[in-house]
Amino acid sequence: VMDFGTNKGLEIDLSKKCYPYHPGISLEAKKNRALLIGLFEE
């Protein structure tokens, strides 16, 4: 499962880092969120 910044596989740790554009996550997680969100927004 891709890294979205707050997950280990399918398990998601609930925290404010779950906010979609949280500045405090890795560049990889930001890129992966952008892919996921972009596909649905299209």
Full PDB file with SEQRES, HELIX, SHEET, SSBOND, CRYST1, ORIGX, SCALE, CONECT and MASTER records, all heavy atoms in Angstrom:
SEQRES   1 A   42  VAL MET ASP PHE GLY THR ASN LYS GLY LEU GLU ILE ASP          
SEQRES   2 A   42  LEU SER LYS LYS CYS TYR PRO TYR HIS PRO GLY ILE SER          
SEQRES   3 A   42  LEU GLU ALA LYS LYS ASN ARG ALA LEU LEU ILE GLY LEU          
SEQRES   4 A   42  PHE GLU GLU                                                  
HELIX    1 AA1 LYS A   16  CYS A   18  5                                   3    
HELIX    2 AA2 LEU A   27  GLU A   41  1                                  15    
SHEET    1 AA1 2 ASN A   7  LYS A   8  0                                        
SHEET    2 AA1 2 GLU A  11  ILE A  12 -1                                        
CRYST1    1.000    1.000    1.000  90.00  90.00  90.00 P 1           1          
ORIGX1      1.000000  0.000000  0.000000        0.00000                         
ORIGX2      0.000000  1.000000  0.000000        0.00000                         
ORIGX3      0.000000  0.000000  1.000000        0.00000                         
SCALE1      1.000000  0.000000  0.000000        0.00000                         
SCALE2      0.000000  1.000000  0.000000        0.00000                         
SCALE3      0.000000  0.000000  1.000000        0.00000                         
ATOM      1  N   VAL A   1       0.867  -1.180   0.000  1.00  0.00           N  
ATOM      2  CA  VAL A   1       0.000   0.000   0.000  1.00  0.00           C  
ATOM      3  C   VAL A   1       0.900   1.226   0.000  1.00  0.00           C  
ATOM      4  O   VAL A   1       1.900   1.283   0.726  1.00  0.00           O  
ATOM      5  CB  VAL A   1      -0.912   0.014   1.246  1.00  0.00           C  
ATOM      6  CG1 VAL A   1      -1.805   1.253   1.245  1.00  0.00           C  
ATOM      7  CG2 VAL A   1      -1.756  -1.250   1.306  1.00  0.00           C  
ATOM      8  N   MET A   2       0.593   2.192  -0.820  1.00  0.00           N  
ATOM      9  CA  MET A   2       1.415   3.390  -0.896  1.00  0.00           C  
ATOM     10  C   MET A   2       1.415   4.154   0.424  1.00  0.00           C  
ATOM     11  O   MET A   2       0.484   4.052   1.228  1.00  0.00           O  
ATOM     12  CB  MET A   2       0.922   4.280  -2.042  1.00  0.00           C  
ATOM     13  CG  MET A   2       1.128   3.634  -3.412  1.00  0.00           C  
ATOM     14  SD  MET A   2       0.368   4.557  -4.776  1.00  0.00           S  
ATOM     15  CE  MET A   2       1.389   6.027  -4.824  1.00  0.00           C  
ATOM     16  N   ASP A   3       2.464   4.932   0.632  1.00  0.00           N  
ATOM     17  CA  ASP A   3       2.627   5.720   1.858  1.00  0.00           C  
ATOM     18  C   ASP A   3       1.887   7.054   1.705  1.00  0.00           C  
ATOM     19  O   ASP A   3       2.228   7.860   0.838  1.00  0.00           O  
ATOM     20  CB  ASP A   3       4.114   5.967   2.116  1.00  0.00           C  
ATOM     21  CG  ASP A   3       4.375   6.897   3.287  1.00  0.00           C  
ATOM     22  OD1 ASP A   3       3.460   7.091   4.120  1.00  0.00           O  
ATOM     23  OD2 ASP A   3       5.498   7.440   3.371  1.00  0.00           O  
ATOM     24  N   PHE A   4       0.890   7.251   2.570  1.00  0.00           N  
ATOM     25  CA  PHE A   4       0.124   8.504   2.536  1.00  0.00           C  
ATOM     26  C   PHE A   4       0.384   9.375   3.775  1.00  0.00           C  
ATOM     27  O   PHE A   4      -0.338  10.324   4.031  1.00  0.00           O  
ATOM     28  CB  PHE A   4      -1.363   8.209   2.395  1.00  0.00           C  
ATOM     29  CG  PHE A   4      -1.719   7.615   1.055  1.00  0.00           C  
ATOM     30  CD1 PHE A   4      -1.781   6.241   0.882  1.00  0.00           C  
ATOM     31  CD2 PHE A   4      -1.948   8.428  -0.041  1.00  0.00           C  
ATOM     32  CE1 PHE A   4      -2.080   5.685  -0.355  1.00  0.00           C  
ATOM     33  CE2 PHE A   4      -2.246   7.889  -1.282  1.00  0.00           C  
ATOM     34  CZ  PHE A   4      -2.310   6.512  -1.446  1.00  0.00           C  
ATOM     35  N   GLY A   5       1.405   9.007   4.524  1.00  0.00           N  
ATOM     36  CA  GLY A   5       1.827   9.875   5.623  1.00  0.00           C  
ATOM     37  C   GLY A   5       1.340   9.505   6.999  1.00  0.00           C  
ATOM     38  O   GLY A   5       1.956   9.890   7.997  1.00  0.00           O  
ATOM     39  N   THR A   6       0.227   8.772   7.079  1.00  0.00           N  
ATOM     40  CA  THR A   6      -0.279   8.379   8.411  1.00  0.00           C  
ATOM     41  C   THR A   6      -0.657   6.899   8.446  1.00  0.00           C  
ATOM     42  O   THR A   6      -1.256   6.447   9.417  1.00  0.00           O  
ATOM     43  CB  THR A   6      -1.539   9.192   8.794  1.00  0.00           C  
ATOM     44  OG1 THR A   6      -2.608   8.855   7.898  1.00  0.00           O  
ATOM     45  CG2 THR A   6      -1.286  10.683   8.761  1.00  0.00           C  
ATOM     46  N   ASN A   7      -0.326   6.180   7.384  1.00  0.00           N  
ATOM     47  CA  ASN A   7      -0.751   4.774   7.326  1.00  0.00           C  
ATOM     48  C   ASN A   7       0.433   3.810   7.354  1.00  0.00           C  
ATOM     49  O   ASN A   7       1.530   4.121   6.901  1.00  0.00           O  
ATOM     50  CB  ASN A   7      -1.563   4.523   6.055  1.00  0.00           C  
ATOM     51  CG  ASN A   7      -0.744   4.690   4.787  1.00  0.00           C  
ATOM     52  OD1 ASN A   7      -0.118   5.733   4.571  1.00  0.00           O  
ATOM     53  ND2 ASN A   7      -0.731   3.670   3.946  1.00  0.00           N  
ATOM     54  N   LYS A   8       0.178   2.640   7.913  1.00  0.00           N  
ATOM     55  CA  LYS A   8       1.088   1.498   7.780  1.00  0.00           C  
ATOM     56  C   LYS A   8       0.262   0.427   7.099  1.00  0.00           C  
ATOM     57  O   LYS A   8      -0.551  -0.244   7.731  1.00  0.00           O  
ATOM     58  CB  LYS A   8       1.572   1.031   9.151  1.00  0.00           C  
ATOM     59  CG  LYS A   8       2.521   2.009   9.826  1.00  0.00           C  
ATOM     60  CD  LYS A   8       3.011   1.476  11.165  1.00  0.00           C  
ATOM     61  CE  LYS A   8       3.968   2.482  11.819  1.00  0.00           C  
ATOM     62  NZ  LYS A   8       4.436   1.999  13.155  1.00  0.00           N  
ATOM     63  N   GLY A   9       0.439   0.314   5.784  1.00  0.00           N  
ATOM     64  CA  GLY A   9      -0.431  -0.556   5.021  1.00  0.00           C  
ATOM     65  C   GLY A   9      -1.839   0.017   5.043  1.00  0.00           C  
ATOM     66  O   GLY A   9      -2.052   1.199   4.758  1.00  0.00           O  
ATOM     67  N   LEU A  10      -2.796  -0.811   5.427  1.00  0.00           N  
ATOM     68  CA  LEU A  10      -4.198  -0.380   5.469  1.00  0.00           C  
ATOM     69  C   LEU A  10      -4.561   0.305   6.782  1.00  0.00           C  
ATOM     70  O   LEU A  10      -5.636   0.909   6.888  1.00  0.00           O  
ATOM     71  CB  LEU A  10      -5.117  -1.590   5.257  1.00  0.00           C  
ATOM     72  CG  LEU A  10      -5.030  -2.256   3.879  1.00  0.00           C  
ATOM     73  CD1 LEU A  10      -5.847  -3.538   3.866  1.00  0.00           C  
ATOM     74  CD2 LEU A  10      -5.498  -1.312   2.781  1.00  0.00           C  
ATOM     75  N   GLU A  11      -3.693   0.222   7.767  1.00  0.00           N  
ATOM     76  CA  GLU A  11      -3.984   0.804   9.080  1.00  0.00           C  
ATOM     77  C   GLU A  11      -3.626   2.284   9.088  1.00  0.00           C  
ATOM     78  O   GLU A  11      -2.475   2.665   8.836  1.00  0.00           O  
ATOM     79  CB  GLU A  11      -3.202   0.075  10.174  1.00  0.00           C  
ATOM     80  CG  GLU A  11      -3.503   0.530  11.585  1.00  0.00           C  
ATOM     81  CD  GLU A  11      -4.917   0.212  12.042  1.00  0.00           C  
ATOM     82  OE1 GLU A  11      -5.488  -0.774  11.549  1.00  0.00           O  
ATOM     83  OE2 GLU A  11      -5.441   0.958  12.893  1.00  0.00           O  
ATOM     84  N   ILE A  12      -4.616   3.122   9.385  1.00  0.00           N  
ATOM     85  CA  ILE A  12      -4.399   4.574   9.411  1.00  0.00           C  
ATOM     86  C   ILE A  12      -4.404   5.077  10.845  1.00  0.00           C  
ATOM     87  O   ILE A  12      -5.332   4.801  11.605  1.00  0.00           O  
ATOM     88  CB  ILE A  12      -5.472   5.310   8.591  1.00  0.00           C  
ATOM     89  CG1 ILE A  12      -5.353   4.945   7.108  1.00  0.00           C  
ATOM     90  CG2 ILE A  12      -5.349   6.829   8.763  1.00  0.00           C  
ATOM     91  CD1 ILE A  12      -6.416   5.566   6.225  1.00  0.00           C  
ATOM     92  N   ASP A  13      -3.362   5.805  11.209  1.00  0.00           N  
ATOM     93  CA  ASP A  13      -3.276   6.424  12.529  1.00  0.00           C  
ATOM     94  C   ASP A  13      -4.002   7.770  12.465  1.00  0.00           C  
ATOM     95  O   ASP A  13      -3.603   8.658  11.707  1.00  0.00           O  
ATOM     96  CB  ASP A  13      -1.803   6.617  12.919  1.00  0.00           C  
ATOM     97  CG  ASP A  13      -1.643   7.193  14.319  1.00  0.00           C  
ATOM     98  OD1 ASP A  13      -2.532   6.949  15.173  1.00  0.00           O  
ATOM     99  OD2 ASP A  13      -0.647   7.899  14.566  1.00  0.00           O  
ATOM    100  N   LEU A  14      -5.070   7.899  13.238  1.00  0.00           N  
ATOM    101  CA  LEU A  14      -5.863   9.128  13.203  1.00  0.00           C  
ATOM    102  C   LEU A  14      -5.167  10.259  13.951  1.00  0.00           C  
ATOM    103  O   LEU A  14      -4.933  10.173  15.146  1.00  0.00           O  
ATOM    104  CB  LEU A  14      -7.252   8.869  13.803  1.00  0.00           C  
ATOM    105  CG  LEU A  14      -8.110   7.816  13.097  1.00  0.00           C  
ATOM    106  CD1 LEU A  14      -9.461   7.694  13.787  1.00  0.00           C  
ATOM    107  CD2 LEU A  14      -8.285   8.151  11.623  1.00  0.00           C  
ATOM    108  N   SER A  15      -4.843  11.303  13.220  1.00  0.00           N  
ATOM    109  CA  SER A  15      -4.222  12.493  13.804  1.00  0.00           C  
ATOM    110  C   SER A  15      -4.448  13.641  12.834  1.00  0.00           C  
ATOM    111  O   SER A  15      -4.994  13.450  11.734  1.00  0.00           O  
ATOM    112  CB  SER A  15      -2.716  12.284  14.013  1.00  0.00           C  
ATOM    113  OG  SER A  15      -2.040  12.283  12.766  1.00  0.00           O  
ATOM    114  N   LYS A  16      -4.018  14.824  13.213  1.00  0.00           N  
ATOM    115  CA  LYS A  16      -4.211  15.975  12.335  1.00  0.00           C  
ATOM    116  C   LYS A  16      -3.404  15.870  11.049  1.00  0.00           C  
ATOM    117  O   LYS A  16      -3.680  16.570  10.068  1.00  0.00           O  
ATOM    118  CB  LYS A  16      -3.892  17.273  13.079  1.00  0.00           C  
ATOM    119  CG  LYS A  16      -4.883  17.554  14.205  1.00  0.00           C  
ATOM    120  CD  LYS A  16      -4.677  18.910  14.841  1.00  0.00           C  
ATOM    121  CE  LYS A  16      -5.719  19.158  15.934  1.00  0.00           C  
ATOM    122  NZ  LYS A  16      -5.625  20.520  16.515  1.00  0.00           N  
ATOM    123  N   LYS A  17      -2.429  14.956  11.024  1.00  0.00           N  
ATOM    124  CA  LYS A  17      -1.678  14.730   9.791  1.00  0.00           C  
ATOM    125  C   LYS A  17      -2.550  14.078   8.719  1.00  0.00           C  
ATOM    126  O   LYS A  17      -2.140  13.971   7.557  1.00  0.00           O  
ATOM    127  CB  LYS A  17      -0.432  13.883  10.059  1.00  0.00           C  
ATOM    128  CG  LYS A  17       0.681  14.656  10.760  1.00  0.00           C  
ATOM    129  CD  LYS A  17       1.966  13.839  10.835  1.00  0.00           C  
ATOM    130  CE  LYS A  17       3.088  14.676  11.451  1.00  0.00           C  
ATOM    131  NZ  LYS A  17       4.356  13.911  11.510  1.00  0.00           N  
ATOM    132  N   CYS A  18      -3.745  13.646   9.102  1.00  0.00           N  
ATOM    133  CA  CYS A  18      -4.698  13.116   8.115  1.00  0.00           C  
ATOM    134  C   CYS A  18      -5.334  14.224   7.294  1.00  0.00           C  
ATOM    135  O   CYS A  18      -5.941  13.938   6.250  1.00  0.00           O  
ATOM    136  CB  CYS A  18      -5.799  12.312   8.816  1.00  0.00           C  
ATOM    137  SG  CYS A  18      -5.221  10.788   9.589  1.00  0.00           S  
ATOM    138  N   TYR A  19      -5.235  15.485   7.741  1.00  0.00           N  
ATOM    139  CA  TYR A  19      -5.766  16.579   6.942  1.00  0.00           C  
ATOM    140  C   TYR A  19      -5.053  16.547   5.588  1.00  0.00           C  
ATOM    141  O   TYR A  19      -3.811  16.459   5.540  1.00  0.00           O  
ATOM    142  CB  TYR A  19      -5.532  17.921   7.632  1.00  0.00           C  
ATOM    143  CG  TYR A  19      -6.214  18.094   8.986  1.00  0.00           C  
ATOM    144  CD1 TYR A  19      -6.006  19.236   9.749  1.00  0.00           C  
ATOM    145  CD2 TYR A  19      -7.060  17.112   9.505  1.00  0.00           C  
ATOM    146  CE1 TYR A  19      -6.636  19.412  10.983  1.00  0.00           C  
ATOM    147  CE2 TYR A  19      -7.682  17.281  10.737  1.00  0.00           C  
ATOM    148  CZ  TYR A  19      -7.468  18.432  11.472  1.00  0.00           C  
ATOM    149  OH  TYR A  19      -8.081  18.594  12.692  1.00  0.00           O  
ATOM    150  N   PRO A  20      -5.777  16.573   4.481  1.00  0.00           N  
ATOM    151  CA  PRO A  20      -5.214  16.259   3.157  1.00  0.00           C  
ATOM    152  C   PRO A  20      -3.923  16.966   2.761  1.00  0.00           C  
ATOM    153  O   PRO A  20      -3.051  16.359   2.149  1.00  0.00           O  
ATOM    154  CB  PRO A  20      -6.357  16.632   2.212  1.00  0.00           C  
ATOM    155  CG  PRO A  20      -7.585  16.379   3.013  1.00  0.00           C  
ATOM    156  CD  PRO A  20      -7.235  16.815   4.408  1.00  0.00           C  
ATOM    157  N   TYR A  21      -3.797  18.257   3.099  1.00  0.00           N  
ATOM    158  CA  TYR A  21      -2.612  19.004   2.655  1.00  0.00           C  
ATOM    159  C   TYR A  21      -1.728  19.414   3.837  1.00  0.00           C  
ATOM    160  O   TYR A  21      -1.091  20.467   3.811  1.00  0.00           O  
ATOM    161  CB  TYR A  21      -3.052  20.223   1.832  1.00  0.00           C  
ATOM    162  CG  TYR A  21      -3.890  19.822   0.646  1.00  0.00           C  
ATOM    163  CD1 TYR A  21      -5.279  19.944   0.675  1.00  0.00           C  
ATOM    164  CD2 TYR A  21      -3.299  19.283  -0.493  1.00  0.00           C  
ATOM    165  CE1 TYR A  21      -6.061  19.541  -0.403  1.00  0.00           C  
ATOM    166  CE2 TYR A  21      -4.069  18.881  -1.583  1.00  0.00           C  
ATOM    167  CZ  TYR A  21      -5.442  19.012  -1.524  1.00  0.00           C  
ATOM    168  OH  TYR A  21      -6.208  18.606  -2.598  1.00  0.00           O  
ATOM    169  N   HIS A  22      -1.676  18.555   4.834  1.00  0.00           N  
ATOM    170  CA  HIS A  22      -0.866  18.843   6.024  1.00  0.00           C  
ATOM    171  C   HIS A  22       0.594  19.048   5.614  1.00  0.00           C  
ATOM    172  O   HIS A  22       1.173  18.218   4.898  1.00  0.00           O  
ATOM    173  CB  HIS A  22      -0.977  17.685   7.017  1.00  0.00           C  
ATOM    174  CG  HIS A  22      -0.485  18.019   8.386  1.00  0.00           C  
ATOM    175  ND1 HIS A  22       0.866  18.124   8.682  1.00  0.00           N  
ATOM    176  CD2 HIS A  22      -1.148  18.285   9.543  1.00  0.00           C  
ATOM    177  CE1 HIS A  22       0.998  18.429   9.968  1.00  0.00           C  
ATOM    178  NE2 HIS A  22      -0.193  18.543  10.507  1.00  0.00           N  
ATOM    179  N   PRO A  23       1.219  20.159   6.071  1.00  0.00           N  
ATOM    180  CA  PRO A  23       2.600  20.452   5.660  1.00  0.00           C  
ATOM    181  C   PRO A  23       3.634  19.513   6.274  1.00  0.00           C  
ATOM    182  O   PRO A  23       4.766  19.446   5.776  1.00  0.00           O  
ATOM    183  CB  PRO A  23       2.828  21.886   6.165  1.00  0.00           C  
ATOM    184  CG  PRO A  23       1.501  22.412   6.576  1.00  0.00           C  
ATOM    185  CD  PRO A  23       0.641  21.233   6.902  1.00  0.00           C  
ATOM    186  N   GLY A  24       3.270  18.808   7.330  1.00  0.00           N  
ATOM    187  CA  GLY A  24       4.260  18.048   8.090  1.00  0.00           C  
ATOM    188  C   GLY A  24       4.450  16.606   7.681  1.00  0.00           C  
ATOM    189  O   GLY A  24       4.945  15.804   8.473  1.00  0.00           O  
ATOM    190  N   ILE A  25       4.088  16.246   6.459  1.00  0.00           N  
ATOM    191  CA  ILE A  25       4.299  14.881   5.993  1.00  0.00           C  
ATOM    192  C   ILE A  25       5.417  14.862   4.947  1.00  0.00           C  
ATOM    193  O   ILE A  25       5.828  15.913   4.447  1.00  0.00           O  
ATOM    194  CB  ILE A  25       3.013  14.270   5.407  1.00  0.00           C  
ATOM    195  CG1 ILE A  25       2.498  15.088   4.212  1.00  0.00           C  
ATOM    196  CG2 ILE A  25       1.934  14.160   6.481  1.00  0.00           C  
ATOM    197  CD1 ILE A  25       1.321  14.455   3.479  1.00  0.00           C  
ATOM    198  N   SER A  26       5.913  13.673   4.619  1.00  0.00           N  
ATOM    199  CA  SER A  26       7.040  13.554   3.693  1.00  0.00           C  
ATOM    200  C   SER A  26       6.641  13.950   2.277  1.00  0.00           C  
ATOM    201  O   SER A  26       5.458  13.963   1.915  1.00  0.00           O  
ATOM    202  CB  SER A  26       7.561  12.115   3.691  1.00  0.00           C  
ATOM    203  OG  SER A  26       6.617  11.249   3.072  1.00  0.00           O  
ATOM    204  N   LEU A  27       7.659  14.226   1.453  1.00  0.00           N  
ATOM    205  CA  LEU A  27       7.413  14.579   0.057  1.00  0.00           C  
ATOM    206  C   LEU A  27       6.749  13.419  -0.684  1.00  0.00           C  
ATOM    207  O   LEU A  27       5.885  13.632  -1.536  1.00  0.00           O  
ATOM    208  CB  LEU A  27       8.731  14.949  -0.633  1.00  0.00           C  
ATOM    209  CG  LEU A  27       9.362  16.283  -0.217  1.00  0.00           C  
ATOM    210  CD1 LEU A  27      10.703  16.470  -0.910  1.00  0.00           C  
ATOM    211  CD2 LEU A  27       8.430  17.449  -0.559  1.00  0.00           C  
ATOM    212  N   GLU A  28       7.147  12.190  -0.356  1.00  0.00           N  
ATOM    213  CA  GLU A  28       6.538  11.021  -0.999  1.00  0.00           C  
ATOM    214  C   GLU A  28       5.054  10.930  -0.655  1.00  0.00           C  
ATOM    215  O   GLU A  28       4.218  10.688  -1.532  1.00  0.00           O  
ATOM    216  CB  GLU A  28       7.243   9.733  -0.557  1.00  0.00           C  
ATOM    217  CG  GLU A  28       6.645   8.489  -1.203  1.00  0.00           C  
ATOM    218  CD  GLU A  28       7.275   7.193  -0.726  1.00  0.00           C  
ATOM    219  OE1 GLU A  28       8.133   7.237   0.167  1.00  0.00           O  
ATOM    220  OE2 GLU A  28       6.883   6.129  -1.247  1.00  0.00           O  
ATOM    221  N   ALA A  29       4.730  11.145   0.627  1.00  0.00           N  
ATOM    222  CA  ALA A  29       3.330  11.093   1.045  1.00  0.00           C  
ATOM    223  C   ALA A  29       2.516  12.198   0.371  1.00  0.00           C  
ATOM    224  O   ALA A  29       1.374  11.969  -0.046  1.00  0.00           O  
ATOM    225  CB  ALA A  29       3.229  11.201   2.570  1.00  0.00           C  
ATOM    226  N   LYS A  30       3.100  13.386   0.256  1.00  0.00           N  
ATOM    227  CA  LYS A  30       2.404  14.487  -0.429  1.00  0.00           C  
ATOM    228  C   LYS A  30       2.131  14.133  -1.888  1.00  0.00           C  
ATOM    229  O   LYS A  30       1.037  14.394  -2.416  1.00  0.00           O  
ATOM    230  CB  LYS A  30       3.237  15.768  -0.355  1.00  0.00           C  
ATOM    231  CG  LYS A  30       3.293  16.398   1.034  1.00  0.00           C  
ATOM    232  CD  LYS A  30       4.197  17.631   1.043  1.00  0.00           C  
ATOM    233  CE  LYS A  30       4.268  18.231   2.436  1.00  0.00           C  
ATOM    234  NZ  LYS A  30       5.186  19.392   2.495  1.00  0.00           N  
ATOM    235  N   LYS A  31       3.118  13.522  -2.536  1.00  0.00           N  
ATOM    236  CA  LYS A  31       2.972  13.126  -3.934  1.00  0.00           C  
ATOM    237  C   LYS A  31       1.870  12.060  -4.079  1.00  0.00           C  
ATOM    238  O   LYS A  31       1.039  12.123  -4.992  1.00  0.00           O  
ATOM    239  CB  LYS A  31       4.297  12.582  -4.452  1.00  0.00           C  
ATOM    240  CG  LYS A  31       4.267  12.149  -5.905  1.00  0.00           C  
ATOM    241  CD  LYS A  31       5.638  11.621  -6.332  1.00  0.00           C  
ATOM    242  CE  LYS A  31       5.597  11.110  -7.774  1.00  0.00           C  
ATOM    243  NZ  LYS A  31       6.918  10.556  -8.199  1.00  0.00           N  
ATOM    244  N   ASN A  32       1.855  11.102  -3.158  1.00  0.00           N  
ATOM    245  CA  ASN A  32       0.863  10.031  -3.227  1.00  0.00           C  
ATOM    246  C   ASN A  32      -0.547  10.540  -2.938  1.00  0.00           C  
ATOM    247  O   ASN A  32      -1.511  10.113  -3.578  1.00  0.00           O  
ATOM    248  CB  ASN A  32       1.235   8.916  -2.249  1.00  0.00           C  
ATOM    249  CG  ASN A  32       2.511   8.200  -2.648  1.00  0.00           C  
ATOM    250  OD1 ASN A  32       2.957   8.289  -3.793  1.00  0.00           O  
ATOM    251  ND2 ASN A  32       3.122   7.485  -1.707  1.00  0.00           N  
ATOM    252  N   ARG A  33      -0.655  11.466  -2.000  1.00  0.00           N  
ATOM    253  CA  ARG A  33      -1.972  12.077  -1.737  1.00  0.00           C  
ATOM    254  C   ARG A  33      -2.445  12.863  -2.955  1.00  0.00           C  
ATOM    255  O   ARG A  33      -3.622  12.824  -3.298  1.00  0.00           O  
ATOM    256  CB  ARG A  33      -1.904  12.998  -0.509  1.00  0.00           C  
ATOM    257  CG  ARG A  33      -1.779  12.270   0.797  1.00  0.00           C  
ATOM    258  CD  ARG A  33      -1.949  13.218   1.975  1.00  0.00           C  
ATOM    259  NE  ARG A  33      -1.612  12.569   3.237  1.00  0.00           N  
ATOM    260  CZ  ARG A  33      -1.790  13.102   4.440  1.00  0.00           C  
ATOM    261  NH1 ARG A  33      -2.316  14.314   4.546  1.00  0.00           N  
ATOM    262  NH2 ARG A  33      -1.456  12.448   5.534  1.00  0.00           N  
ATOM    263  N   ALA A  34      -1.518  13.576  -3.595  1.00  0.00           N  
ATOM    264  CA  ALA A  34      -1.879  14.364  -4.779  1.00  0.00           C  
ATOM    265  C   ALA A  34      -2.414  13.456  -5.887  1.00  0.00           C  
ATOM    266  O   ALA A  34      -3.371  13.807  -6.587  1.00  0.00           O  
ATOM    267  CB  ALA A  34      -0.670  15.158  -5.276  1.00  0.00           C  
ATOM    268  N   LEU A  35      -1.813  12.271  -6.033  1.00  0.00           N  
ATOM    269  CA  LEU A  35      -2.283  11.313  -7.031  1.00  0.00           C  
ATOM    270  C   LEU A  35      -3.689  10.846  -6.700  1.00  0.00           C  
ATOM    271  O   LEU A  35      -4.596  10.896  -7.549  1.00  0.00           O  
ATOM    272  CB  LEU A  35      -1.339  10.114  -7.092  1.00  0.00           C  
ATOM    273  CG  LEU A  35      -1.814   8.926  -7.956  1.00  0.00           C  
ATOM    274  CD1 LEU A  35      -1.936   9.338  -9.421  1.00  0.00           C  
ATOM    275  CD2 LEU A  35      -0.861   7.741  -7.795  1.00  0.00           C  
ATOM    276  N   LEU A  36      -3.896  10.397  -5.471  1.00  0.00           N  
ATOM    277  CA  LEU A  36      -5.200   9.880  -5.045  1.00  0.00           C  
ATOM    278  C   LEU A  36      -6.284  10.951  -5.156  1.00  0.00           C  
ATOM    279  O   LEU A  36      -7.344  10.728  -5.755  1.00  0.00           O  
ATOM    280  CB  LEU A  36      -5.097   9.373  -3.597  1.00  0.00           C  
ATOM    281  CG  LEU A  36      -6.389   8.854  -2.957  1.00  0.00           C  
ATOM    282  CD1 LEU A  36      -6.880   7.598  -3.674  1.00  0.00           C  
ATOM    283  CD2 LEU A  36      -6.159   8.569  -1.465  1.00  0.00           C  
ATOM    284  N   ILE A  37      -6.018  12.110  -4.581  1.00  0.00           N  
ATOM    285  CA  ILE A  37      -7.007  13.192  -4.584  1.00  0.00           C  
ATOM    286  C   ILE A  37      -7.282  13.667  -6.010  1.00  0.00           C  
ATOM    287  O   ILE A  37      -8.438  13.893  -6.390  1.00  0.00           O  
ATOM    288  CB  ILE A  37      -6.531  14.357  -3.693  1.00  0.00           C  
ATOM    289  CG1 ILE A  37      -6.497  13.916  -2.222  1.00  0.00           C  
ATOM    290  CG2 ILE A  37      -7.443  15.588  -3.866  1.00  0.00           C  
ATOM    291  CD1 ILE A  37      -5.779  14.891  -1.293  1.00  0.00           C  
ATOM    292  N   GLY A  38      -6.226  13.784  -6.811  1.00  0.00           N  
ATOM    293  CA  GLY A  38      -6.389  14.252  -8.184  1.00  0.00           C  
ATOM    294  C   GLY A  38      -7.273  13.342  -9.017  1.00  0.00           C  
ATOM    295  O   GLY A  38      -8.120  13.814  -9.786  1.00  0.00           O  
ATOM    296  N   LEU A  39      -7.107  12.033  -8.857  1.00  0.00           N  
ATOM    297  CA  LEU A  39      -7.918  11.080  -9.608  1.00  0.00           C  
ATOM    298  C   LEU A  39      -9.402  11.224  -9.283  1.00  0.00           C  
ATOM    299  O   LEU A  39     -10.257  11.193 -10.171  1.00  0.00           O  
ATOM    300  CB  LEU A  39      -7.454   9.650  -9.312  1.00  0.00           C  
ATOM    301  CG  LEU A  39      -6.121   9.234  -9.939  1.00  0.00           C  
ATOM    302  CD1 LEU A  39      -5.644   7.914  -9.334  1.00  0.00           C  
ATOM    303  CD2 LEU A  39      -6.242   9.119 -11.448  1.00  0.00           C  
ATOM    304  N   PHE A  40      -9.708  11.382  -8.006  1.00  0.00           N  
ATOM    305  CA  PHE A  40     -11.113  11.515  -7.614  1.00  0.00           C  
ATOM    306  C   PHE A  40     -11.669  12.885  -7.986  1.00  0.00           C  
ATOM    307  O   PHE A  40     -12.828  12.987  -8.411  1.00  0.00           O  
ATOM    308  CB  PHE A  40     -11.271  11.244  -6.114  1.00  0.00           C  
ATOM    309  CG  PHE A  40     -11.425   9.785  -5.793  1.00  0.00           C  
ATOM    310  CD1 PHE A  40     -10.316   8.976  -5.590  1.00  0.00           C  
ATOM    311  CD2 PHE A  40     -12.685   9.198  -5.720  1.00  0.00           C  
ATOM    312  CE1 PHE A  40     -10.449   7.625  -5.320  1.00  0.00           C  
ATOM    313  CE2 PHE A  40     -12.837   7.851  -5.443  1.00  0.00           C  
ATOM    314  CZ  PHE A  40     -11.708   7.052  -5.246  1.00  0.00           C  
ATOM    315  N   GLU A  41     -10.867  13.931  -7.857  1.00  0.00           N  
ATOM    316  CA  GLU A  41     -11.350  15.258  -8.219  1.00  0.00           C  
ATOM    317  C   GLU A  41     -11.625  15.361  -9.722  1.00  0.00           C  
ATOM    318  O   GLU A  41     -12.536  16.077 -10.147  1.00  0.00           O  
ATOM    319  CB  GLU A  41     -10.348  16.328  -7.772  1.00  0.00           C  
ATOM    320  CG  GLU A  41     -10.365  16.537  -6.251  1.00  0.00           C  
ATOM    321  CD  GLU A  41      -9.451  17.658  -5.798  1.00  0.00           C  
ATOM    322  OE1 GLU A  41      -8.543  18.043  -6.575  1.00  0.00           O  
ATOM    323  OE2 GLU A  41      -9.634  18.147  -4.668  1.00  0.00           O  
ATOM    324  N   GLU A  42     -10.858  14.642 -10.534  1.00  0.00           N  
ATOM    325  CA  GLU A  42     -11.114  14.624 -11.980  1.00  0.00           C  
ATOM    326  C   GLU A  42     -12.486  14.036 -12.291  1.00  0.00           C  
ATOM    327  O   GLU A  42     -13.073  14.339 -13.340  1.00  0.00           O  
ATOM    328  CB  GLU A  42     -10.044  13.793 -12.690  1.00  0.00           C  
ATOM    329  CG  GLU A  42      -8.705  14.492 -12.832  1.00  0.00           C  
ATOM    330  CD  GLU A  42      -7.638  13.575 -13.412  1.00  0.00           C  
ATOM    331  OE1 GLU A  42      -7.981  12.467 -13.897  1.00  0.00           O  
ATOM    332  OE2 GLU A  42      -6.459  13.967 -13.385  1.00  0.00           O  
TER     333      GLU A  42                                                      
MASTER        0    0    0    2    2    0    0    6  332    1    0    4          
END                                                                             
